Each structure stands twice: as C-alpha cells, then as structure tokens.
Amino acid sequence: MRVLKIAALATFAVSPLFAQGIGIGIGAYPGYKTTVTPMNNGVYEVAVSGSSAPVAYWCGIGDFAIRSLRTKATQRIYIVRAYEKGVRTVQFSLTPPDGVDTTPGYSITVKRVGENMSAGSAQGYCFDNFLDFGFR
C-alpha cells in the first residue's frame, strides 16, 4: 500500500498542471513581440521589440502570412527593405523585388534585399526558437 501511495504522489508531482501551478514548468517562450503593419503595394513592415535576431522578423512575417493572409506554406516571402540599426524594422513582400538576386543564402539574415524563404519555414521559427528559456 505504501508503494502505491508513493507512486500516486510521484505521478501527481510530475503532472504538468501541478508543475505549472507551483512554478516549476520550463518551456521555450518567445522573449520578443512582433508587430506587422501593412504598407502600400503589398509590402508588410515587421517591427520587433525585445530582440533584433533575424528569426524574430521571419517568425513575425511567416506567422502573419499564414494566419492572417491565409497564404500557403509554400508561398515565398521576400525582403524588400533590409534591417537598419536605427529603424529596427524589415519590410517584406510576397512578390520578389525588381532587379535583385533572390537566390536564398545559407544563413538566416534580414540584412539583404531579395533574401527569401517559404512562409512555412518562416513561421517555423515561431515554434522552434531558443531566444528565451522562460521559467513560468
């Protein structure tokens, strides 16, 4: 009977509801907030507070494209105005900018006009980020 009580107590102690109730839960929560503002001619400006990591900008536009614009996950998203330190925003479009190389690079960046990725890949950074391991 004692073993059964200990097993029940251990099960209860490691349950997610109990762990969150006393603040033991650990998870990866975004440490930033993105704001997407529609501009003219199908351009969307992404501002991020709490981070300047490229994945934060891609997460913002990818999530907005799929959830708000209802694009397919395969839709390409292009940078039409790159990140600038003073401005801290990036402008994206669903159509490629004229006269620039749109060959995707090997690293994640927001500093090159024409850089692009699929909406699904961009949104994936919202679920797979390690910018903040928040104890909640």
N, C-alpha and C. Protein backbone atom coordinates (compact mmCIF):
# COMPACT_ATOMS: atom_id res chain seq x y z
N MET A 1 0.82 -1.19 0.00
CA MET A 1 0.00 0.00 0.00
C MET A 1 0.87 1.26 0.00
N ARG A 2 1.98 1.21 0.73
CA ARG A 2 2.88 2.36 0.80
C ARG A 2 3.46 2.67 -0.58
N VAL A 3 3.81 1.64 -1.33
CA VAL A 3 4.37 1.82 -2.68
C VAL A 3 3.34 2.47 -3.59
N LEU A 4 2.11 2.08 -3.47
CA LEU A 4 1.03 2.65 -4.27
C LEU A 4 0.84 4.13 -3.96
N LYS A 5 0.92 4.51 -2.70
CA LYS A 5 0.78 5.91 -2.31
C LYS A 5 1.94 6.74 -2.86
N ILE A 6 3.15 6.18 -2.78
CA ILE A 6 4.32 6.90 -3.29
C ILE A 6 4.22 7.07 -4.80
N ALA A 7 3.78 6.05 -5.51
CA ALA A 7 3.63 6.13 -6.97
C ALA A 7 2.57 7.16 -7.34
N ALA A 8 1.48 7.20 -6.61
CA ALA A 8 0.42 8.18 -6.89
C ALA A 8 0.92 9.60 -6.63
N LEU A 9 1.64 9.78 -5.55
CA LEU A 9 2.18 11.09 -5.23
C LEU A 9 3.21 11.54 -6.28
N ALA A 10 4.06 10.62 -6.72
CA ALA A 10 5.06 10.94 -7.76
C ALA A 10 4.38 11.31 -9.07
N THR A 11 3.34 10.59 -9.44
CA THR A 11 2.61 10.90 -10.66
C THR A 11 1.99 12.29 -10.58
N PHE A 12 1.41 12.60 -9.47
CA PHE A 12 0.80 13.91 -9.27
C PHE A 12 1.86 15.01 -9.30
N ALA A 13 3.00 14.76 -8.70
CA ALA A 13 4.06 15.78 -8.61
C ALA A 13 4.64 16.13 -9.97
N VAL A 14 4.68 15.21 -10.89
CA VAL A 14 5.27 15.50 -12.19
C VAL A 14 4.24 15.86 -13.25
N SER A 15 2.98 15.91 -12.87
CA SER A 15 1.96 16.28 -13.85
C SER A 15 2.14 17.74 -14.23
N PRO A 16 1.92 18.08 -15.50
CA PRO A 16 2.12 19.46 -15.97
C PRO A 16 1.27 20.48 -15.22
N LEU A 17 0.05 20.14 -14.88
CA LEU A 17 -0.80 21.11 -14.19
C LEU A 17 -0.23 21.45 -12.82
N PHE A 18 0.21 20.44 -12.11
CA PHE A 18 0.78 20.69 -10.79
C PHE A 18 2.09 21.47 -10.91
N ALA A 19 2.93 21.09 -11.86
CA ALA A 19 4.21 21.77 -12.04
C ALA A 19 4.01 23.24 -12.39
N GLN A 20 3.07 23.56 -13.26
CA GLN A 20 2.82 24.95 -13.61
C GLN A 20 2.21 25.71 -12.44
N GLY A 21 1.41 25.03 -11.65
CA GLY A 21 0.76 25.67 -10.51
C GLY A 21 1.74 26.18 -9.47
N ILE A 22 2.86 25.48 -9.31
CA ILE A 22 3.83 25.95 -8.31
C ILE A 22 5.07 26.57 -8.96
N GLY A 23 5.03 26.76 -10.29
CA GLY A 23 6.11 27.48 -10.97
C GLY A 23 7.32 26.66 -11.32
N ILE A 24 7.18 25.36 -11.49
CA ILE A 24 8.32 24.53 -11.83
C ILE A 24 8.44 24.36 -13.34
N GLY A 25 7.37 24.60 -14.09
CA GLY A 25 7.35 24.33 -15.53
C GLY A 25 8.46 25.07 -16.27
N ILE A 26 9.03 24.43 -17.24
CA ILE A 26 10.05 25.05 -18.08
C ILE A 26 9.60 24.89 -19.52
N GLY A 27 9.82 25.90 -20.30
CA GLY A 27 9.46 25.83 -21.70
C GLY A 27 10.15 26.93 -22.47
N ALA A 28 10.10 26.85 -23.77
CA ALA A 28 10.70 27.88 -24.62
C ALA A 28 9.61 28.86 -25.02
N TYR A 29 9.64 30.05 -24.48
CA TYR A 29 8.66 31.07 -24.79
C TYR A 29 9.35 32.22 -25.50
N PRO A 30 8.76 32.74 -26.54
CA PRO A 30 9.41 33.86 -27.23
C PRO A 30 9.65 35.03 -26.28
N GLY A 31 10.86 35.54 -26.30
CA GLY A 31 11.20 36.68 -25.48
C GLY A 31 11.04 37.98 -26.23
N TYR A 32 10.24 37.97 -27.30
CA TYR A 32 10.07 39.15 -28.13
C TYR A 32 8.62 39.23 -28.60
N LYS A 33 8.26 40.39 -29.13
CA LYS A 33 6.92 40.60 -29.68
C LYS A 33 7.07 41.21 -31.06
N THR A 34 6.32 40.70 -32.02
CA THR A 34 6.38 41.24 -33.39
C THR A 34 5.09 41.97 -33.71
N THR A 35 5.23 43.04 -34.49
CA THR A 35 4.09 43.80 -34.98
C THR A 35 4.23 43.92 -36.48
N VAL A 36 3.21 43.50 -37.22
CA VAL A 36 3.23 43.56 -38.68
C VAL A 36 2.25 44.65 -39.12
N THR A 37 2.77 45.59 -39.93
CA THR A 37 1.96 46.71 -40.42
C THR A 37 1.88 46.64 -41.94
N PRO A 38 0.69 46.49 -42.51
CA PRO A 38 0.57 46.52 -43.97
C PRO A 38 0.91 47.92 -44.51
N MET A 39 1.75 47.96 -45.53
CA MET A 39 2.13 49.21 -46.18
C MET A 39 1.45 49.24 -47.55
N ASN A 40 1.93 50.06 -48.47
CA ASN A 40 1.39 50.13 -49.83
C ASN A 40 1.99 49.04 -50.72
N ASN A 41 1.29 48.69 -51.78
CA ASN A 41 1.77 47.78 -52.82
C ASN A 41 2.14 46.39 -52.32
N GLY A 42 1.42 45.86 -51.34
CA GLY A 42 1.67 44.51 -50.86
C GLY A 42 2.93 44.35 -50.04
N VAL A 43 3.38 45.41 -49.42
CA VAL A 43 4.56 45.38 -48.57
C VAL A 43 4.11 45.37 -47.12
N TYR A 44 4.78 44.58 -46.29
CA TYR A 44 4.45 44.44 -44.88
C TYR A 44 5.70 44.76 -44.06
N GLU A 45 5.54 45.66 -43.09
CA GLU A 45 6.67 46.06 -42.25
C GLU A 45 6.58 45.34 -40.92
N VAL A 46 7.67 44.70 -40.53
CA VAL A 46 7.72 43.96 -39.29
C VAL A 46 8.63 44.69 -38.31
N ALA A 47 8.08 45.01 -37.15
CA ALA A 47 8.85 45.61 -36.06
C ALA A 47 8.89 44.59 -34.93
N VAL A 48 10.04 44.49 -34.29
CA VAL A 48 10.22 43.52 -33.20
C VAL A 48 10.68 44.27 -31.96
N SER A 49 10.06 43.97 -30.85
CA SER A 49 10.54 44.53 -29.58
C SER A 49 11.02 43.37 -28.71
N GLY A 50 12.16 43.58 -28.09
CA GLY A 50 12.71 42.55 -27.23
C GLY A 50 13.80 41.73 -27.87
N SER A 51 14.07 41.95 -29.15
CA SER A 51 15.10 41.19 -29.85
C SER A 51 15.41 41.87 -31.17
N SER A 52 16.57 41.60 -31.70
CA SER A 52 16.88 42.02 -33.07
C SER A 52 17.39 40.83 -33.87
N ALA A 53 17.11 39.63 -33.38
CA ALA A 53 17.52 38.41 -34.06
C ALA A 53 16.74 38.24 -35.36
N PRO A 54 17.39 37.81 -36.42
CA PRO A 54 16.70 37.62 -37.70
C PRO A 54 15.50 36.68 -37.61
N VAL A 55 15.59 35.63 -36.78
CA VAL A 55 14.48 34.68 -36.69
C VAL A 55 13.21 35.35 -36.15
N ALA A 56 13.35 36.40 -35.35
CA ALA A 56 12.17 37.09 -34.82
C ALA A 56 11.40 37.78 -35.95
N TYR A 57 12.12 38.40 -36.89
CA TYR A 57 11.46 39.06 -38.03
C TYR A 57 10.82 38.03 -38.95
N TRP A 58 11.53 36.94 -39.24
CA TRP A 58 10.98 35.90 -40.11
C TRP A 58 9.78 35.24 -39.45
N CYS A 59 9.84 35.01 -38.15
CA CYS A 59 8.70 34.44 -37.43
C CYS A 59 7.48 35.34 -37.58
N GLY A 60 7.68 36.65 -37.38
CA GLY A 60 6.56 37.59 -37.46
C GLY A 60 5.89 37.60 -38.81
N ILE A 61 6.67 37.68 -39.88
CA ILE A 61 6.06 37.73 -41.22
C ILE A 61 5.52 36.37 -41.64
N GLY A 62 6.18 35.29 -41.27
CA GLY A 62 5.69 33.96 -41.63
C GLY A 62 4.36 33.65 -40.97
N ASP A 63 4.26 33.96 -39.68
CA ASP A 63 3.02 33.72 -38.96
C ASP A 63 1.90 34.60 -39.49
N PHE A 64 2.21 35.86 -39.78
CA PHE A 64 1.21 36.78 -40.33
C PHE A 64 0.73 36.30 -41.71
N ALA A 65 1.66 35.86 -42.54
CA ALA A 65 1.29 35.42 -43.89
C ALA A 65 0.35 34.22 -43.86
N ILE A 66 0.64 33.27 -42.99
CA ILE A 66 -0.18 32.05 -42.95
C ILE A 66 -1.49 32.28 -42.20
N ARG A 67 -1.43 32.93 -41.05
CA ARG A 67 -2.64 33.08 -40.24
C ARG A 67 -3.55 34.20 -40.72
N SER A 68 -2.98 35.34 -41.09
CA SER A 68 -3.82 36.50 -41.45
C SER A 68 -4.10 36.58 -42.95
N LEU A 69 -3.05 36.37 -43.76
CA LEU A 69 -3.24 36.46 -45.21
C LEU A 69 -3.70 35.15 -45.83
N ARG A 70 -3.66 34.08 -45.04
CA ARG A 70 -4.09 32.75 -45.48
C ARG A 70 -3.30 32.25 -46.71
N THR A 71 -2.00 32.55 -46.73
CA THR A 71 -1.17 32.04 -47.82
C THR A 71 -0.85 30.58 -47.56
N LYS A 72 -0.43 29.91 -48.60
CA LYS A 72 0.04 28.53 -48.46
C LYS A 72 1.42 28.55 -47.81
N ALA A 73 1.79 27.46 -47.20
CA ALA A 73 3.10 27.36 -46.55
C ALA A 73 4.23 27.44 -47.56
N THR A 74 3.95 27.15 -48.82
CA THR A 74 4.99 27.17 -49.85
C THR A 74 5.20 28.56 -50.46
N GLN A 75 4.35 29.52 -50.10
CA GLN A 75 4.48 30.89 -50.63
C GLN A 75 5.81 31.49 -50.21
N ARG A 76 6.57 32.04 -51.17
CA ARG A 76 7.84 32.69 -50.86
C ARG A 76 7.59 34.09 -50.31
N ILE A 77 8.40 34.47 -49.34
CA ILE A 77 8.36 35.80 -48.75
C ILE A 77 9.72 36.44 -48.98
N TYR A 78 9.74 37.67 -49.48
CA TYR A 78 10.97 38.35 -49.87
C TYR A 78 11.21 39.60 -49.04
N ILE A 79 12.47 39.88 -48.75
CA ILE A 79 12.82 41.14 -48.09
C ILE A 79 12.91 42.21 -49.17
N VAL A 80 12.17 43.31 -48.97
CA VAL A 80 12.22 44.42 -49.93
C VAL A 80 12.93 45.64 -49.34
N ARG A 81 13.02 45.72 -48.02
CA ARG A 81 13.86 46.71 -47.36
C ARG A 81 14.52 46.04 -46.17
N ALA A 82 15.83 46.00 -46.19
CA ALA A 82 16.59 45.26 -45.18
C ALA A 82 16.62 45.98 -43.84
N TYR A 83 17.07 45.27 -42.83
CA TYR A 83 17.20 45.77 -41.47
C TYR A 83 18.22 46.90 -41.42
N GLU A 84 17.86 47.96 -40.70
CA GLU A 84 18.77 49.06 -40.42
C GLU A 84 18.77 49.28 -38.91
N LYS A 85 19.94 49.48 -38.33
CA LYS A 85 20.04 49.61 -36.88
C LYS A 85 19.14 50.69 -36.29
N GLY A 86 19.11 51.85 -36.87
CA GLY A 86 18.31 52.94 -36.32
C GLY A 86 16.82 52.74 -36.46
N VAL A 87 16.41 52.07 -37.53
CA VAL A 87 14.98 51.90 -37.82
C VAL A 87 14.42 50.68 -37.11
N ARG A 88 15.16 49.59 -37.07
CA ARG A 88 14.79 48.33 -36.41
C ARG A 88 13.52 47.70 -36.98
N THR A 89 13.28 47.90 -38.26
CA THR A 89 12.17 47.22 -38.93
C THR A 89 12.69 46.60 -40.22
N VAL A 90 11.95 45.64 -40.73
CA VAL A 90 12.25 45.00 -42.00
C VAL A 90 10.96 44.97 -42.81
N GLN A 91 11.05 45.27 -44.10
CA GLN A 91 9.87 45.22 -44.95
C GLN A 91 9.94 44.00 -45.85
N PHE A 92 8.81 43.29 -45.92
CA PHE A 92 8.69 42.05 -46.68
C PHE A 92 7.59 42.19 -47.71
N SER A 93 7.64 41.32 -48.73
CA SER A 93 6.60 41.26 -49.75
C SER A 93 6.45 39.82 -50.20
N LEU A 94 5.29 39.51 -50.76
CA LEU A 94 5.06 38.17 -51.30
C LEU A 94 5.50 38.09 -52.75
N THR A 95 5.93 39.20 -53.32
CA THR A 95 6.45 39.21 -54.69
C THR A 95 7.92 39.64 -54.65
N PRO A 96 8.75 39.08 -55.51
CA PRO A 96 10.18 39.41 -55.47
C PRO A 96 10.44 40.86 -55.89
N PRO A 97 11.41 41.50 -55.25
CA PRO A 97 11.76 42.87 -55.64
C PRO A 97 12.45 42.87 -57.00
N ASP A 98 12.28 43.95 -57.75
CA ASP A 98 12.85 44.04 -59.10
C ASP A 98 14.36 44.26 -59.03
N GLY A 99 15.07 43.57 -59.91
CA GLY A 99 16.47 43.83 -60.12
C GLY A 99 17.44 43.36 -59.05
N VAL A 100 17.05 42.46 -58.19
CA VAL A 100 17.98 41.96 -57.18
C VAL A 100 18.06 40.44 -57.25
N ASP A 101 19.14 39.91 -56.73
CA ASP A 101 19.34 38.46 -56.69
C ASP A 101 18.44 37.88 -55.60
N THR A 102 17.61 36.93 -55.97
CA THR A 102 16.70 36.30 -55.00
C THR A 102 17.11 34.87 -54.69
N THR A 103 18.35 34.52 -54.97
CA THR A 103 18.84 33.20 -54.62
C THR A 103 18.99 33.14 -53.10
N PRO A 104 18.29 32.21 -52.44
CA PRO A 104 18.37 32.15 -50.98
C PRO A 104 19.79 31.84 -50.53
N GLY A 105 20.20 32.46 -49.43
CA GLY A 105 21.52 32.21 -48.86
C GLY A 105 21.49 31.00 -47.94
N TYR A 106 22.64 30.76 -47.32
CA TYR A 106 22.76 29.61 -46.43
C TYR A 106 22.55 29.98 -44.97
N SER A 107 22.46 31.26 -44.67
CA SER A 107 22.23 31.67 -43.29
C SER A 107 20.94 32.49 -43.21
N ILE A 108 20.44 32.62 -42.00
CA ILE A 108 19.22 33.39 -41.79
C ILE A 108 19.63 34.84 -41.58
N THR A 109 19.16 35.70 -42.45
CA THR A 109 19.52 37.11 -42.37
C THR A 109 18.33 37.99 -42.73
N VAL A 110 18.38 39.21 -42.25
CA VAL A 110 17.42 40.23 -42.65
C VAL A 110 18.16 41.45 -43.16
N LYS A 111 19.41 41.26 -43.55
CA LYS A 111 20.26 42.37 -43.97
C LYS A 111 20.50 42.41 -45.47
N ARG A 112 19.77 41.60 -46.25
CA ARG A 112 19.97 41.59 -47.70
C ARG A 112 18.63 41.63 -48.42
N VAL A 113 18.43 42.66 -49.23
CA VAL A 113 17.22 42.76 -50.04
C VAL A 113 17.23 41.59 -51.03
N GLY A 114 16.10 40.93 -51.14
CA GLY A 114 15.98 39.78 -52.03
C GLY A 114 16.06 38.45 -51.30
N GLU A 115 16.57 38.47 -50.07
CA GLU A 115 16.61 37.23 -49.28
C GLU A 115 15.18 36.75 -49.11
N ASN A 116 14.98 35.44 -49.13
CA ASN A 116 13.62 34.92 -49.08
C ASN A 116 13.59 33.52 -48.51
N MET A 117 12.41 33.13 -48.08
CA MET A 117 12.14 31.76 -47.64
C MET A 117 10.64 31.53 -47.73
N SER A 118 10.24 30.29 -47.60
CA SER A 118 8.81 29.98 -47.66
C SER A 118 8.13 30.44 -46.38
N ALA A 119 6.84 30.70 -46.49
CA ALA A 119 6.06 31.14 -45.33
C ALA A 119 6.09 30.09 -44.23
N GLY A 120 6.04 28.83 -44.61
CA GLY A 120 6.08 27.75 -43.62
C GLY A 120 7.39 27.69 -42.87
N SER A 121 8.49 27.88 -43.59
CA SER A 121 9.81 27.89 -42.94
C SER A 121 9.93 29.08 -42.00
N ALA A 122 9.43 30.23 -42.44
CA ALA A 122 9.49 31.43 -41.61
C ALA A 122 8.65 31.26 -40.35
N GLN A 123 7.45 30.73 -40.50
CA GLN A 123 6.58 30.52 -39.34
C GLN A 123 7.18 29.49 -38.39
N GLY A 124 7.94 28.56 -38.92
CA GLY A 124 8.57 27.54 -38.08
C GLY A 124 9.48 28.11 -37.02
N TYR A 125 10.04 29.28 -37.26
CA TYR A 125 10.91 29.91 -36.26
C TYR A 125 10.12 30.37 -35.04
N CYS A 126 8.81 30.49 -35.16
CA CYS A 126 7.99 30.85 -34.01
C CYS A 126 7.91 29.69 -33.02
N PHE A 127 7.96 28.48 -33.53
CA PHE A 127 7.79 27.30 -32.70
C PHE A 127 9.11 26.67 -32.29
N ASP A 128 10.19 27.05 -32.96
CA ASP A 128 11.48 26.42 -32.73
C ASP A 128 12.52 27.49 -32.42
N ASN A 129 12.24 28.32 -31.44
CA ASN A 129 13.24 29.33 -31.10
C ASN A 129 13.78 29.07 -29.71
N PHE A 130 15.00 29.44 -29.52
CA PHE A 130 15.65 29.27 -28.23
C PHE A 130 16.17 30.62 -27.74
N LEU A 131 15.42 31.68 -28.05
CA LEU A 131 15.84 33.01 -27.64
C LEU A 131 15.63 33.22 -26.15
N ASP A 132 14.69 32.49 -25.55
CA ASP A 132 14.38 32.71 -24.15
C ASP A 132 13.84 31.42 -23.56
N PHE A 133 14.55 30.85 -22.62
CA PHE A 133 14.00 29.73 -21.88
C PHE A 133 13.35 30.30 -20.63
N GLY A 134 12.05 30.54 -20.73
CA GLY A 134 11.36 31.20 -19.62
C GLY A 134 10.91 30.21 -18.58
N PHE A 135 11.18 30.50 -17.35
CA PHE A 135 10.64 29.70 -16.24
C PHE A 135 9.34 30.35 -15.85
N ARG A 136 8.24 29.63 -16.09
CA ARG A 136 6.92 30.19 -15.78
C ARG A 136 6.18 29.29 -14.84
